[in-house]
Amino acid sequence: MCEKRKDIKMYIFDSHVHIYPEKIADKASDTIGKFYDIKMAFNGSISKLLDECERAGVNRCLVHSVATTHEQVQKINDFISMSVKEYPDKFVGFGSLHPSMSADEVDAEVNRMISIGLHGIKLHPDFQYFAIDDKHAMEMYEAIDGRLPLLFHTGDARYSYSNPHRLAAAAKRFPKQKMIGAHFGGYSEVDSALKCLPDLENVYVDSSSSLAFITPEKAKECVKAYTEDKIFFGTDYPMWSATDELRRIDRLDLTDTAREKIFYKNICGFLGIEP
């Protein structure tokens, strides 16, 4: 287990965290680890997350989960909402939708998500088997109508569903819809993301599941391209330790102003909340 990181004094908001009910946390985490062939740092439970936040000096987390079937949507959204209500000073929640939902179902569930205090929507094209820019997905975004921001898993060389150019196409089609391309917009396709995402005003990125795979020089290139105003710090818990991810950020030798923006000011401004 990682040692507590003692040099953190700045407020830190982890903007990419998956959580699961305690009874299925081990199974859910193992499934993700097998999908990516990565040893998970934690099991995805709230208790382990709170321990790691204390250890690493993380003040708040954007928590979410992904519905892999239509039937899971409301259950997941209720779980995230209840978790936020249990830890209102620690968590902000994003709900989930599923691409098999009709436009009317999407409209109704978005309204319900807002009513139960959720601040956005997490979609994972590679888990949910839909291309970000396919016809039905576009109909889903139209039904969302910009009421909540969208967080996409983006980029995986094994699949086309989440390719960065698909996110770019959707962002151009819906310029008023705020979107986050996770993993510097590309995961294993960061270079492709750098070619099509940085100039899109409605697209932001987070640093989760990126820094372990790219050099500090490439990470600095990402910061320069997206600018320090459009990047959110994220860990992709339970995949990675916040302690380790913060140390990877430290290697980039960012200014204090850039660190403040990336660690919490950007995401708080994006969500319209106070730290």
Protein backbone atom coordinates (compact mmCIF):
# COMPACT_ATOMS: atom_id res chain seq x y z
CA MET A 1 0.00 0.00 0.00
CA CYS A 2 1.23 3.48 -0.81
CA GLU A 3 2.52 5.78 1.91
CA LYS A 4 0.51 8.90 2.73
CA ARG A 5 1.66 11.78 0.56
CA LYS A 6 2.65 14.44 3.08
CA ASP A 7 3.58 17.33 0.79
CA ILE A 8 0.04 18.06 -0.44
CA LYS A 9 -1.29 21.39 0.76
CA MET A 10 -3.47 22.34 -2.20
CA TYR A 11 -7.17 21.46 -2.46
CA ILE A 12 -7.51 18.41 -4.72
CA PHE A 13 -10.60 17.28 -6.62
CA ASP A 14 -10.35 13.85 -8.25
CA SER A 15 -12.62 14.18 -11.28
CA HIS A 16 -12.69 10.53 -12.40
CA VAL A 17 -13.69 7.92 -9.83
CA HIS A 18 -15.69 4.69 -10.24
CA ILE A 19 -17.52 3.34 -7.19
CA TYR A 20 -19.54 0.17 -6.65
CA PRO A 21 -21.78 -1.20 -3.89
CA GLU A 22 -19.70 -3.04 -1.30
CA LYS A 23 -21.21 -6.45 -2.12
CA ILE A 24 -20.17 -6.36 -5.80
CA ALA A 25 -17.04 -4.19 -5.56
CA ASP A 26 -14.53 -7.05 -5.81
CA LYS A 27 -16.26 -8.63 -8.80
CA ALA A 28 -16.72 -5.32 -10.63
CA SER A 29 -13.10 -4.31 -10.09
CA ASP A 30 -11.82 -7.71 -11.22
CA THR A 31 -13.91 -7.49 -14.40
CA ILE A 32 -12.40 -4.12 -15.30
CA GLY A 33 -8.91 -5.35 -14.53
CA LYS A 34 -9.36 -8.28 -16.91
CA PHE A 35 -10.79 -6.03 -19.63
CA TYR A 36 -7.66 -3.86 -19.56
CA ASP A 37 -5.21 -6.56 -18.43
CA ILE A 38 -4.20 -4.32 -15.53
CA LYS A 39 -3.85 -5.14 -11.84
CA MET A 40 -6.31 -2.89 -10.04
CA ALA A 41 -5.03 -0.87 -7.11
CA PHE A 42 -8.31 -1.14 -5.17
CA ASN A 43 -11.67 -2.90 -5.31
CA GLY A 44 -13.89 0.10 -6.08
CA SER A 45 -15.60 0.25 -2.70
CA ILE A 46 -16.42 3.55 -1.03
CA SER A 47 -14.57 2.55 2.13
CA LYS A 48 -11.31 1.95 0.24
CA LEU A 49 -11.82 5.19 -1.71
CA LEU A 50 -12.20 7.23 1.47
CA ASP A 51 -9.07 5.64 2.91
CA GLU A 52 -7.09 6.50 -0.22
CA CYS A 53 -8.40 10.07 -0.26
CA GLU A 54 -7.21 10.51 3.31
CA ARG A 55 -3.84 8.98 2.50
CA ALA A 56 -3.27 11.03 -0.65
CA GLY A 57 -4.77 14.32 0.49
CA VAL A 58 -7.71 14.28 -1.94
CA ASN A 59 -10.55 16.49 -0.74
CA ARG A 60 -13.38 15.62 -3.10
CA CYS A 61 -14.26 13.15 -5.87
CA LEU A 62 -16.48 13.05 -8.93
CA VAL A 63 -17.99 9.56 -8.61
CA HIS A 64 -19.82 7.51 -11.21
CA SER A 65 -20.40 4.05 -12.64
CA VAL A 66 -21.36 2.65 -16.05
CA ALA A 67 -24.61 0.89 -16.96
CA THR A 68 -23.82 -2.07 -19.20
CA THR A 69 -27.53 -2.85 -19.65
CA HIS A 70 -30.69 -0.77 -19.94
CA GLU A 71 -31.99 -2.34 -16.70
CA GLN A 72 -29.02 -1.12 -14.66
CA VAL A 73 -29.49 2.58 -15.40
CA GLN A 74 -31.87 3.62 -12.64
CA LYS A 75 -30.26 1.33 -10.04
CA ILE A 76 -26.83 2.82 -10.74
CA ASN A 77 -28.13 6.37 -10.71
CA ASP A 78 -29.90 5.76 -7.40
CA PHE A 79 -26.71 4.26 -5.93
CA ILE A 80 -24.60 7.22 -7.01
CA SER A 81 -27.20 9.67 -5.71
CA MET A 82 -27.41 7.90 -2.34
CA SER A 83 -23.61 7.82 -2.08
CA VAL A 84 -23.40 11.56 -2.70
CA LYS A 85 -26.10 12.21 -0.09
CA GLU A 86 -24.19 10.08 2.41
CA TYR A 87 -20.94 11.98 1.76
CA PRO A 88 -22.03 15.42 0.50
CA ASP A 89 -18.73 17.07 1.37
CA LYS A 90 -16.67 14.35 -0.35
CA PHE A 91 -18.61 13.34 -3.48
CA VAL A 92 -20.21 14.89 -6.54
CA GLY A 93 -22.06 12.38 -8.72
CA PHE A 94 -22.50 11.64 -12.42
CA GLY A 95 -25.22 9.24 -13.50
CA SER A 96 -25.35 6.82 -16.40
CA LEU A 97 -27.48 6.17 -19.47
CA HIS A 98 -27.50 3.24 -21.90
CA PRO A 99 -27.49 3.55 -25.71
CA SER A 100 -30.46 1.17 -26.02
CA MET A 101 -32.74 3.74 -24.35
CA SER A 102 -35.26 5.60 -26.49
CA ALA A 103 -35.17 9.39 -26.74
CA ASP A 104 -38.20 9.61 -24.44
CA GLU A 105 -36.52 7.36 -21.87
CA VAL A 106 -33.35 9.44 -22.03
CA ASP A 107 -35.33 12.66 -21.56
CA ALA A 108 -37.17 11.25 -18.54
CA GLU A 109 -34.03 9.82 -16.91
CA VAL A 110 -32.07 13.03 -17.40
CA ASN A 111 -34.86 14.91 -15.64
CA ARG A 112 -34.79 12.32 -12.86
CA MET A 113 -30.99 12.53 -12.54
CA ILE A 114 -31.25 16.27 -12.07
CA SER A 115 -34.00 15.82 -9.47
CA ILE A 116 -31.85 13.43 -7.39
CA GLY A 117 -28.84 15.73 -7.43
CA LEU A 118 -26.60 14.30 -10.15
CA HIS A 119 -24.37 16.70 -12.05
CA GLY A 120 -23.56 14.86 -15.29
CA ILE A 121 -23.55 11.62 -17.27
CA LYS A 122 -20.79 9.03 -17.69
CA LEU A 123 -20.70 6.94 -20.90
CA HIS A 124 -18.23 4.19 -21.80
CA PRO A 125 -18.55 3.31 -25.49
CA ASP A 126 -16.21 0.31 -25.26
CA PHE A 127 -18.20 -1.27 -22.39
CA GLN A 128 -21.59 -0.23 -23.80
CA TYR A 129 -20.81 -1.17 -27.41
CA PHE A 130 -21.72 2.03 -29.22
CA ALA A 131 -19.74 4.47 -31.33
CA ILE A 132 -19.69 7.98 -29.89
CA ASP A 133 -20.84 9.46 -33.20
CA ASP A 134 -23.31 6.83 -34.42
CA LYS A 135 -26.87 7.80 -35.33
CA HIS A 136 -28.52 6.52 -32.17
CA ALA A 137 -25.89 8.14 -29.96
CA MET A 138 -26.51 11.45 -31.68
CA GLU A 139 -30.22 11.04 -30.93
CA MET A 140 -29.31 10.43 -27.28
CA TYR A 141 -27.30 13.67 -27.11
CA GLU A 142 -30.16 15.54 -28.75
CA ALA A 143 -32.51 14.23 -26.06
CA ILE A 144 -30.06 15.28 -23.34
CA ASP A 145 -30.19 18.77 -24.87
CA GLY A 146 -27.20 20.14 -22.97
CA ARG A 147 -28.92 19.79 -19.58
CA LEU A 148 -26.03 17.78 -18.13
CA PRO A 149 -22.39 17.49 -19.25
CA LEU A 150 -21.12 14.22 -20.70
CA LEU A 151 -18.01 12.35 -19.58
CA PHE A 152 -16.79 9.82 -22.16
CA HIS A 153 -14.20 7.13 -21.89
CA THR A 154 -12.16 7.98 -24.98
CA GLY A 155 -9.55 6.07 -26.93
CA ASP A 156 -8.51 2.44 -27.02
CA ALA A 157 -6.42 1.06 -29.86
CA ARG A 158 -8.34 -2.23 -29.64
CA TYR A 159 -11.70 -0.68 -30.50
CA SER A 160 -13.16 2.02 -32.72
CA TYR A 161 -16.17 2.91 -30.55
CA SER A 162 -14.39 5.55 -28.47
CA ASN A 163 -11.90 6.88 -30.99
CA PRO A 164 -11.12 10.57 -30.40
CA HIS A 165 -12.26 11.54 -33.89
CA ARG A 166 -15.72 10.23 -32.99
CA LEU A 167 -15.82 12.50 -29.95
CA ALA A 168 -14.75 15.38 -32.17
CA ALA A 169 -17.60 14.64 -34.59
CA ALA A 170 -20.17 14.60 -31.78
CA ALA A 171 -18.78 17.79 -30.23
CA LYS A 172 -19.00 19.60 -33.55
CA ARG A 173 -22.58 18.39 -34.06
CA PHE A 174 -23.61 19.62 -30.58
CA PRO A 175 -21.40 22.65 -29.84
CA LYS A 176 -23.47 23.72 -26.82
CA GLN A 177 -23.12 20.31 -25.14
CA LYS A 178 -20.21 20.24 -22.70
CA MET A 179 -18.14 17.08 -23.05
CA ILE A 180 -15.17 15.59 -21.23
CA GLY A 181 -12.81 13.25 -23.08
CA ALA A 182 -11.31 11.12 -20.35
CA HIS A 183 -7.66 10.00 -20.40
CA PHE A 184 -6.34 13.15 -22.15
CA GLY A 185 -8.98 12.44 -24.78
CA GLY A 186 -7.34 9.27 -25.99
CA TYR A 187 -6.06 6.65 -23.48
CA SER A 188 -3.85 4.61 -25.85
CA GLU A 189 -4.55 7.08 -28.68
CA VAL A 190 -3.38 10.31 -27.14
CA ASP A 191 -1.61 11.41 -30.33
CA SER A 192 -4.82 10.98 -32.33
CA ALA A 193 -6.69 13.01 -29.74
CA LEU A 194 -4.14 15.82 -29.96
CA LYS A 195 -4.91 16.13 -33.67
CA CYS A 196 -8.67 16.64 -33.35
CA LEU A 197 -9.78 17.71 -29.86
CA PRO A 198 -7.80 20.68 -28.49
CA ASP A 199 -9.45 23.34 -30.69
CA LEU A 200 -13.03 22.34 -29.76
CA GLU A 201 -14.41 24.83 -27.24
CA ASN A 202 -16.92 22.42 -25.69
CA VAL A 203 -14.41 19.59 -25.10
CA TYR A 204 -12.42 19.25 -21.88
CA VAL A 205 -10.12 16.39 -20.84
CA ASP A 206 -9.04 14.67 -17.66
CA SER A 207 -5.67 13.16 -16.79
CA SER A 208 -6.93 9.78 -15.61
CA SER A 209 -5.40 6.53 -16.93
CA SER A 210 -2.91 8.47 -19.03
CA LEU A 211 0.17 9.41 -17.08
CA ALA A 212 1.24 5.80 -16.53
CA PHE A 213 1.38 5.23 -20.30
CA ILE A 214 2.94 8.41 -21.68
CA THR A 215 6.18 10.23 -21.01
CA PRO A 216 6.26 13.44 -18.98
CA GLU A 217 7.21 15.19 -22.21
CA LYS A 218 4.04 13.91 -23.92
CA ALA A 219 1.98 14.92 -20.90
CA LYS A 220 3.43 18.43 -21.10
CA GLU A 221 2.49 18.47 -24.79
CA CYS A 222 -1.08 17.64 -23.77
CA VAL A 223 -1.14 20.45 -21.21
CA LYS A 224 0.13 22.89 -23.81
CA ALA A 225 -2.39 21.73 -26.43
CA TYR A 226 -5.51 21.62 -24.27
CA THR A 227 -4.26 24.51 -22.10
CA GLU A 228 -4.17 24.46 -18.32
CA ASP A 229 -7.75 25.82 -18.32
CA LYS A 230 -9.38 22.70 -19.81
CA ILE A 231 -7.72 19.82 -17.95
CA PHE A 232 -9.06 18.08 -14.83
CA PHE A 233 -7.02 15.90 -12.51
CA GLY A 234 -8.40 12.34 -12.31
CA THR A 235 -7.21 8.94 -11.12
CA ASP A 236 -9.68 6.39 -12.56
CA TYR A 237 -10.02 4.80 -9.10
CA PRO A 238 -10.04 1.85 -8.47
CA MET A 239 -7.52 1.34 -11.26
CA TRP A 240 -4.83 3.63 -9.90
CA SER A 241 -3.69 5.07 -6.59
CA ALA A 242 -4.26 8.80 -6.14
CA THR A 243 -0.93 8.96 -4.35
CA ASP A 244 0.86 7.63 -7.42
CA GLU A 245 -1.12 9.79 -9.85
CA LEU A 246 -0.31 12.93 -7.88
CA ARG A 247 3.37 12.05 -7.99
CA ARG A 248 3.13 11.65 -11.76
CA ILE A 249 1.58 15.10 -11.99
CA ASP A 250 4.41 16.46 -9.83
CA ARG A 251 6.94 15.30 -12.44
CA LEU A 252 5.44 17.72 -14.96
CA ASP A 253 6.85 20.71 -13.05
CA LEU A 254 3.68 22.78 -13.47
CA THR A 255 3.35 26.29 -12.12
CA ASP A 256 1.32 26.76 -8.95
CA THR A 257 -1.34 28.52 -11.01
CA ALA A 258 -1.60 25.56 -13.40
CA ARG A 259 -1.71 23.10 -10.52
CA GLU A 260 -4.57 24.98 -8.87
CA LYS A 261 -6.54 24.96 -12.10
CA ILE A 262 -5.94 21.29 -12.88
CA PHE A 263 -6.38 20.06 -9.31
CA TYR A 264 -9.68 21.81 -8.58
CA LYS A 265 -10.49 25.19 -10.09
CA ASN A 266 -11.27 23.91 -13.59
CA ILE A 267 -13.61 21.12 -12.51
CA CYS A 268 -15.39 23.30 -9.95
CA GLY A 269 -15.93 25.99 -12.57
CA PHE A 270 -17.09 23.38 -15.10
CA LEU A 271 -19.66 21.99 -12.66
CA GLY A 272 -20.62 25.38 -11.24
CA ILE A 273 -19.86 24.40 -7.64
CA GLU A 274 -17.69 25.70 -4.82
CA PRO A 275 -14.65 23.71 -3.64
